[in-house]
């Protein structure tokens, strides 16, 4: 008998570690859509078939994640939609804001701009924004657990909190993404949500519920968190590069070099650990589960020469 049978997916995943589970995204296009959302962000054609097909092609080509957003609570469509274009980068993350009245105006935005510095084509967003996944048609945990977090945080920070469509990892609901840094959190309660936004406002990082920074792949996310848990560091103090050197240990998933802006460096190794099968989504069949865990976090001495690294 499966011990997770009948559980919400977030309950079934409660024993799985969070580090290294953020979606790997560097560009975001968030479009306000106060109406009902389908199961898929674009696949259900909630924006209309003409818009959906073209927008899906453009976001895919530019490697930008399309996301639907809406203000917490019941909101009627006023005819104007807020659009957020954001780049989550190792350094120099940015977010710009637009208002549109016709969805076809989205096609005037060159999404490839997310690969560079802030383009200045929209109003700069200076304060961090919070996306709380509340995509109930994708997974019920997001609606049940995410919406109360969005409502509570929005009441204290009006205009800075959005309910969002699927951000990845609904089994870790309530799921939160901070823009523009791409810091991604899971299992967030109201105090943790307050803390992560307060830290973001100060240019710092709350490690409570931290899943990773979206600009990095999973192994690099894990390595950054492993170092953050040992030292205080602001949001842009640390950069991570994967270590391409092969390892003789078949149990290791790989390694990464974490560098502090003051010159300190750490070599972090990780392995993929097995977990009992359980559902990744509510009402889904159980699947084999794994998670990343740090095996070693070694500070490198100044004279030590590292193997060449790649992003």
Protein backbone atom coordinates (compact mmCIF):
# COMPACT_ATOMS: atom_id res chain seq x y z
CA UNK A 1 0.00 0.00 0.00
CA UNK A 2 1.24 3.46 -0.90
CA UNK A 3 1.49 5.54 2.32
CA UNK A 4 0.90 8.72 0.27
CA UNK A 5 -2.36 7.56 -1.32
CA UNK A 6 -5.15 10.10 -0.99
CA UNK A 7 -2.85 12.89 0.19
CA UNK A 8 -2.58 16.32 -1.38
CA UNK A 9 0.64 16.38 -3.40
CA UNK A 10 2.10 19.06 -1.10
CA UNK A 11 1.51 16.80 1.91
CA UNK A 12 3.02 13.82 0.09
CA UNK A 13 6.13 15.88 -0.67
CA UNK A 14 6.54 17.30 2.83
CA UNK A 15 9.64 15.18 3.51
CA UNK A 16 11.44 16.14 0.29
CA UNK A 17 14.18 18.78 0.67
CA UNK A 18 13.57 22.08 -1.14
CA UNK A 19 17.04 23.15 -2.37
CA UNK A 20 17.58 22.72 -6.09
CA UNK A 21 13.88 22.56 -7.03
CA UNK A 22 13.31 26.01 -8.57
CA UNK A 23 12.46 26.17 -12.26
CA UNK A 24 15.45 27.27 -14.38
CA UNK A 25 14.26 30.55 -15.91
CA UNK A 26 16.10 33.77 -16.76
CA UNK A 27 13.34 35.69 -18.59
CA UNK A 28 9.74 36.31 -17.54
CA UNK A 29 6.70 37.71 -19.34
CA UNK A 30 3.84 38.16 -16.89
CA UNK A 31 0.47 39.15 -18.36
CA UNK A 32 -2.46 40.23 -16.22
CA UNK A 33 -5.52 38.08 -16.85
CA UNK A 34 -8.16 38.54 -14.15
CA UNK A 35 -10.53 35.96 -15.62
CA UNK A 36 -10.48 32.20 -15.26
CA UNK A 37 -7.30 30.32 -16.11
CA UNK A 38 -7.15 26.97 -17.85
CA UNK A 39 -4.97 24.06 -16.79
CA UNK A 40 -2.06 25.19 -18.95
CA UNK A 41 -0.77 28.76 -19.08
CA UNK A 42 -1.07 29.02 -22.86
CA UNK A 43 -2.15 25.60 -24.04
CA UNK A 44 -5.78 26.15 -23.04
CA UNK A 45 -6.00 29.29 -25.21
CA UNK A 46 -7.30 31.44 -22.36
CA UNK A 47 -5.98 34.47 -24.24
CA UNK A 48 -7.65 33.41 -27.48
CA UNK A 49 -6.31 31.06 -30.17
CA UNK A 50 -4.66 33.77 -32.29
CA UNK A 51 -2.77 35.30 -29.37
CA UNK A 52 -1.95 31.97 -27.74
CA UNK A 53 -0.21 30.36 -30.71
CA UNK A 54 1.92 33.38 -31.54
CA UNK A 55 2.81 34.13 -27.92
CA UNK A 56 3.76 30.51 -27.29
CA UNK A 57 6.09 30.57 -30.31
CA UNK A 58 7.70 33.87 -29.30
CA UNK A 59 8.25 33.02 -25.65
CA UNK A 60 9.69 29.63 -26.60
CA UNK A 61 12.09 31.17 -29.12
CA UNK A 62 13.30 33.77 -26.61
CA UNK A 63 13.44 31.26 -23.72
CA UNK A 64 11.08 33.44 -21.70
CA UNK A 65 8.54 31.95 -19.30
CA UNK A 66 4.97 33.13 -19.98
CA UNK A 67 3.02 33.63 -16.76
CA UNK A 68 -0.53 34.80 -16.10
CA UNK A 69 -0.97 37.11 -13.13
CA UNK A 70 -3.92 38.68 -11.35
CA UNK A 71 -4.43 40.85 -8.30
CA UNK A 72 -5.40 38.95 -5.14
CA UNK A 73 -9.13 38.97 -4.47
CA UNK A 74 -12.01 39.40 -6.86
CA UNK A 75 -11.17 41.83 -9.64
CA UNK A 76 -13.21 42.90 -12.63
CA UNK A 77 -11.45 43.49 -15.92
CA UNK A 78 -11.06 47.24 -16.47
CA UNK A 79 -9.77 47.02 -20.02
CA UNK A 80 -6.16 47.60 -19.00
CA UNK A 81 -3.71 44.83 -18.33
CA UNK A 82 -0.43 45.10 -16.47
CA UNK A 83 2.49 43.39 -18.18
CA UNK A 84 5.78 42.64 -16.46
CA UNK A 85 8.95 41.92 -18.41
CA UNK A 86 11.76 40.72 -16.15
CA UNK A 87 15.25 39.28 -16.35
CA UNK A 88 16.55 37.13 -13.50
CA UNK A 89 20.32 37.32 -13.75
CA UNK A 90 23.35 36.49 -11.64
CA UNK A 91 23.90 40.23 -11.36
CA UNK A 92 21.83 43.13 -12.62
CA UNK A 93 18.37 41.56 -12.51
CA UNK A 94 15.66 43.96 -13.70
CA UNK A 95 11.91 44.31 -14.18
CA UNK A 96 9.90 46.75 -16.30
CA UNK A 97 6.17 47.37 -16.30
CA UNK A 98 3.69 48.18 -19.09
CA UNK A 99 -0.03 48.65 -19.46
CA UNK A 100 -1.80 47.38 -22.55
CA UNK A 101 -5.40 47.47 -23.73
CA UNK A 102 -5.02 45.00 -26.60
CA UNK A 103 -3.24 41.65 -26.22
CA UNK A 104 -1.73 42.11 -29.67
CA UNK A 105 0.44 44.82 -28.12
CA UNK A 106 2.44 41.97 -26.58
CA UNK A 107 3.88 41.34 -30.02
CA UNK A 108 5.50 44.79 -29.97
CA UNK A 109 7.80 43.64 -27.17
CA UNK A 110 11.12 42.14 -28.24
CA UNK A 111 11.40 39.29 -25.73
CA UNK A 112 15.06 38.78 -26.61
CA UNK A 113 15.76 41.92 -24.59
CA UNK A 114 15.59 39.80 -21.43
CA UNK A 115 19.04 38.49 -22.38
CA UNK A 116 20.57 41.93 -21.86
CA UNK A 117 20.42 44.92 -19.52
CA UNK A 118 17.20 46.73 -18.73
CA UNK A 119 16.05 48.16 -22.10
CA UNK A 120 14.11 51.15 -20.76
CA UNK A 121 11.01 50.42 -22.84
CA UNK A 122 8.74 50.23 -19.79
CA UNK A 123 8.55 51.84 -16.39
CA UNK A 124 11.28 50.43 -14.13
CA UNK A 125 10.04 48.43 -11.14
CA UNK A 126 12.30 49.39 -8.27
CA UNK A 127 10.72 47.36 -5.46
CA UNK A 128 10.78 43.55 -5.51
CA UNK A 129 7.53 41.92 -6.60
CA UNK A 130 6.08 38.67 -5.31
CA UNK A 131 4.36 36.03 -7.45
CA UNK A 132 2.34 33.50 -5.45
CA UNK A 133 1.21 30.47 -7.42
CA UNK A 134 -2.59 30.23 -7.16
CA UNK A 135 -3.22 28.12 -10.25
CA UNK A 136 -5.98 25.88 -8.95
CA UNK A 137 -6.81 24.26 -12.29
CA UNK A 138 -3.20 23.10 -12.56
CA UNK A 139 -3.11 21.76 -9.01
CA UNK A 140 -5.50 22.26 -6.10
CA UNK A 141 -2.68 22.79 -3.58
CA UNK A 142 -1.80 26.08 -5.28
CA UNK A 143 -5.31 27.45 -4.86
CA UNK A 144 -5.89 26.12 -1.36
CA UNK A 145 -2.51 27.14 0.04
CA UNK A 146 -1.34 29.93 -2.24
CA UNK A 147 -4.30 32.30 -2.29
CA UNK A 148 -4.34 32.97 1.49
CA UNK A 149 -0.62 33.84 1.35
CA UNK A 150 -1.17 36.21 -1.56
CA UNK A 151 -4.11 37.89 0.17
CA UNK A 152 -2.26 38.39 3.45
CA UNK A 153 0.89 39.75 1.85
CA UNK A 154 -1.04 41.96 -0.58
CA UNK A 155 -2.95 43.59 2.28
CA UNK A 156 0.39 44.75 3.70
CA UNK A 157 2.09 45.51 0.37
CA UNK A 158 -0.59 46.61 -2.10
CA UNK A 159 0.47 46.56 -5.73
CA UNK A 160 3.50 44.37 -5.11
CA UNK A 161 1.90 40.94 -4.82
CA UNK A 162 0.32 38.95 -7.65
CA UNK A 163 -1.41 35.61 -7.87
CA UNK A 164 0.38 33.72 -10.62
CA UNK A 165 -0.15 30.75 -12.88
CA UNK A 166 2.07 27.66 -12.60
CA UNK A 167 5.57 28.64 -11.43
CA UNK A 168 6.87 25.07 -11.23
CA UNK A 169 6.78 22.65 -8.30
CA UNK A 170 3.19 22.83 -7.05
CA UNK A 171 4.04 19.93 -4.73
CA UNK A 172 5.98 22.54 -2.74
CA UNK A 173 2.98 24.85 -2.36
CA UNK A 174 2.58 27.53 -1.22
CA UNK A 175 5.10 28.47 -3.93
CA UNK A 176 6.52 31.97 -4.24
CA UNK A 177 8.83 33.70 -6.75
CA UNK A 178 10.45 37.06 -6.12
CA UNK A 179 11.03 39.23 -9.18
CA UNK A 180 13.33 40.27 -10.61
CA UNK A 181 15.90 38.14 -8.73
CA UNK A 182 14.11 34.87 -9.41
CA UNK A 183 14.49 33.71 -5.81
CA UNK A 184 12.02 30.84 -5.47
CA UNK A 185 10.45 29.55 -2.26
CA UNK A 186 8.25 26.67 -1.15
CA UNK A 187 6.10 25.73 1.84
CA UNK A 188 5.77 29.40 2.70
CA UNK A 189 3.51 30.52 5.55
CA UNK A 190 2.57 34.15 6.24
CA UNK A 191 5.53 34.90 8.58
CA UNK A 192 7.95 33.36 6.07
CA UNK A 193 6.38 35.39 3.24
CA UNK A 194 6.80 38.57 5.25
CA UNK A 195 10.40 37.67 6.02
CA UNK A 196 11.36 36.89 2.43
CA UNK A 197 9.92 40.16 1.16
CA UNK A 198 11.59 42.15 3.94
CA UNK A 199 14.89 40.49 3.06
CA UNK A 200 14.39 41.22 -0.64
CA UNK A 201 13.70 44.88 0.15
CA UNK A 202 17.03 45.01 1.98
CA UNK A 203 18.92 43.29 -0.85
CA UNK A 204 19.31 40.19 1.29
CA UNK A 205 18.08 36.60 1.03
CA UNK A 206 15.85 34.72 3.44
CA UNK A 207 16.85 31.06 3.48
CA UNK A 208 13.59 29.84 5.04
CA UNK A 209 11.87 27.76 2.37
CA UNK A 210 14.43 28.74 -0.28
CA UNK A 211 14.32 26.39 -3.27
CA UNK A 212 16.88 28.21 -5.39
CA UNK A 213 17.49 31.13 -7.69
CA UNK A 214 15.93 30.64 -11.10
CA UNK A 215 18.94 31.86 -13.09
CA UNK A 216 20.77 28.66 -12.12
CA UNK A 217 20.17 24.99 -12.94
CA UNK A 218 19.29 22.70 -10.01
CA UNK A 219 22.82 21.70 -8.98
CA UNK A 220 23.96 25.34 -8.91
CA UNK A 221 20.84 26.30 -6.94
CA UNK A 222 21.69 23.69 -4.33
CA UNK A 223 25.33 24.81 -4.14
CA UNK A 224 24.40 28.45 -3.61
CA UNK A 225 21.97 27.57 -0.81
CA UNK A 226 24.55 25.29 0.84
CA UNK A 227 26.97 28.21 1.06
CA UNK A 228 24.31 30.72 2.10
CA UNK A 229 23.45 28.48 5.02
CA UNK A 230 27.05 28.86 6.23
CA UNK A 231 27.74 32.57 5.69
CA UNK A 232 25.78 35.85 5.48
CA UNK A 233 25.61 37.13 1.90
CA UNK A 234 23.50 39.66 0.03
CA UNK A 235 21.52 38.66 -3.03
CA UNK A 236 24.30 39.42 -5.53
CA UNK A 237 27.29 38.52 -3.34
CA UNK A 238 27.47 34.95 -4.64
CA UNK A 239 27.87 33.60 -8.16
CA UNK A 240 27.88 29.93 -9.11
CA UNK A 241 29.54 27.99 -11.93
CA UNK A 242 29.18 24.29 -12.52
CA UNK A 243 32.41 22.31 -12.27
CA UNK A 244 32.80 20.33 -15.53
CA UNK A 245 35.61 18.14 -14.20
CA UNK A 246 34.59 14.48 -14.20
CA UNK A 247 34.38 12.69 -10.88
CA UNK A 248 35.53 9.20 -10.02
CA UNK A 249 32.66 8.83 -7.58
CA UNK A 250 29.63 7.37 -9.43
CA UNK A 251 27.33 8.38 -6.56
CA UNK A 252 27.87 12.10 -7.16
CA UNK A 253 25.56 14.18 -9.38
CA UNK A 254 28.27 16.79 -9.91
CA UNK A 255 29.92 19.77 -8.32
CA UNK A 256 29.89 23.56 -8.45
CA UNK A 257 32.15 26.46 -7.50
CA UNK A 258 30.48 29.22 -5.47
CA UNK A 259 32.35 32.54 -5.49
CA UNK A 260 31.80 35.46 -3.12
CA UNK A 261 32.45 38.94 -4.47
CA UNK A 262 35.17 39.32 -1.81
CA UNK A 263 37.13 36.48 -3.47
CA UNK A 264 36.26 33.56 -1.20
CA UNK A 265 35.29 30.35 -2.98
CA UNK A 266 33.66 27.05 -2.09
CA UNK A 267 33.59 23.70 -3.86
CA UNK A 268 30.23 21.99 -3.38
CA UNK A 269 29.55 18.40 -4.37
CA UNK A 270 26.09 16.87 -4.56
CA UNK A 271 24.35 13.58 -5.11
CA UNK A 272 20.91 12.56 -6.26
CA UNK A 273 19.17 10.66 -3.49
CA UNK A 274 16.18 8.33 -3.97
CA UNK A 275 12.89 8.78 -2.15
CA UNK A 276 9.74 6.70 -1.93
CA UNK A 277 7.41 7.04 -4.94
CA UNK A 278 4.63 9.56 -4.50
CA UNK A 279 2.37 11.75 -6.64
CA UNK A 280 3.91 14.92 -8.15
CA UNK A 281 0.43 16.43 -8.59
CA UNK A 282 -2.84 15.97 -6.77
CA UNK A 283 -4.82 12.95 -8.03
CA UNK A 284 -1.86 11.78 -10.16
CA UNK A 285 -0.38 8.29 -10.01
CA UNK A 286 2.71 7.82 -7.83
CA UNK A 287 6.07 8.25 -9.56
CA UNK A 288 9.63 7.54 -8.44
CA UNK A 289 11.01 10.53 -6.54
CA UNK A 290 14.53 11.86 -6.05
CA UNK A 291 16.10 14.92 -4.52
CA UNK A 292 19.47 16.67 -4.56
CA UNK A 293 21.55 16.87 -1.42
CA UNK A 294 24.93 18.42 -0.71
CA UNK A 295 27.66 15.90 0.09
CA UNK A 296 30.44 18.37 0.89
CA UNK A 297 30.95 22.13 1.12
CA UNK A 298 34.67 22.89 1.10
CA UNK A 299 36.09 26.41 1.26
CA UNK A 300 39.00 26.75 -1.15
CA UNK A 301 42.18 28.40 0.09
CA UNK A 302 43.46 31.39 -1.85
CA UNK A 303 46.40 29.53 -3.37
CA UNK A 304 44.32 26.56 -4.49
CA UNK A 305 43.82 26.25 -8.22
CA UNK A 306 40.37 25.19 -9.35
CA UNK A 307 39.54 23.17 -12.42
CA UNK A 308 38.12 25.30 -15.24
CA UNK A 309 34.42 26.07 -14.78
CA UNK A 310 31.53 26.71 -17.08
CA UNK A 311 28.15 28.31 -16.51
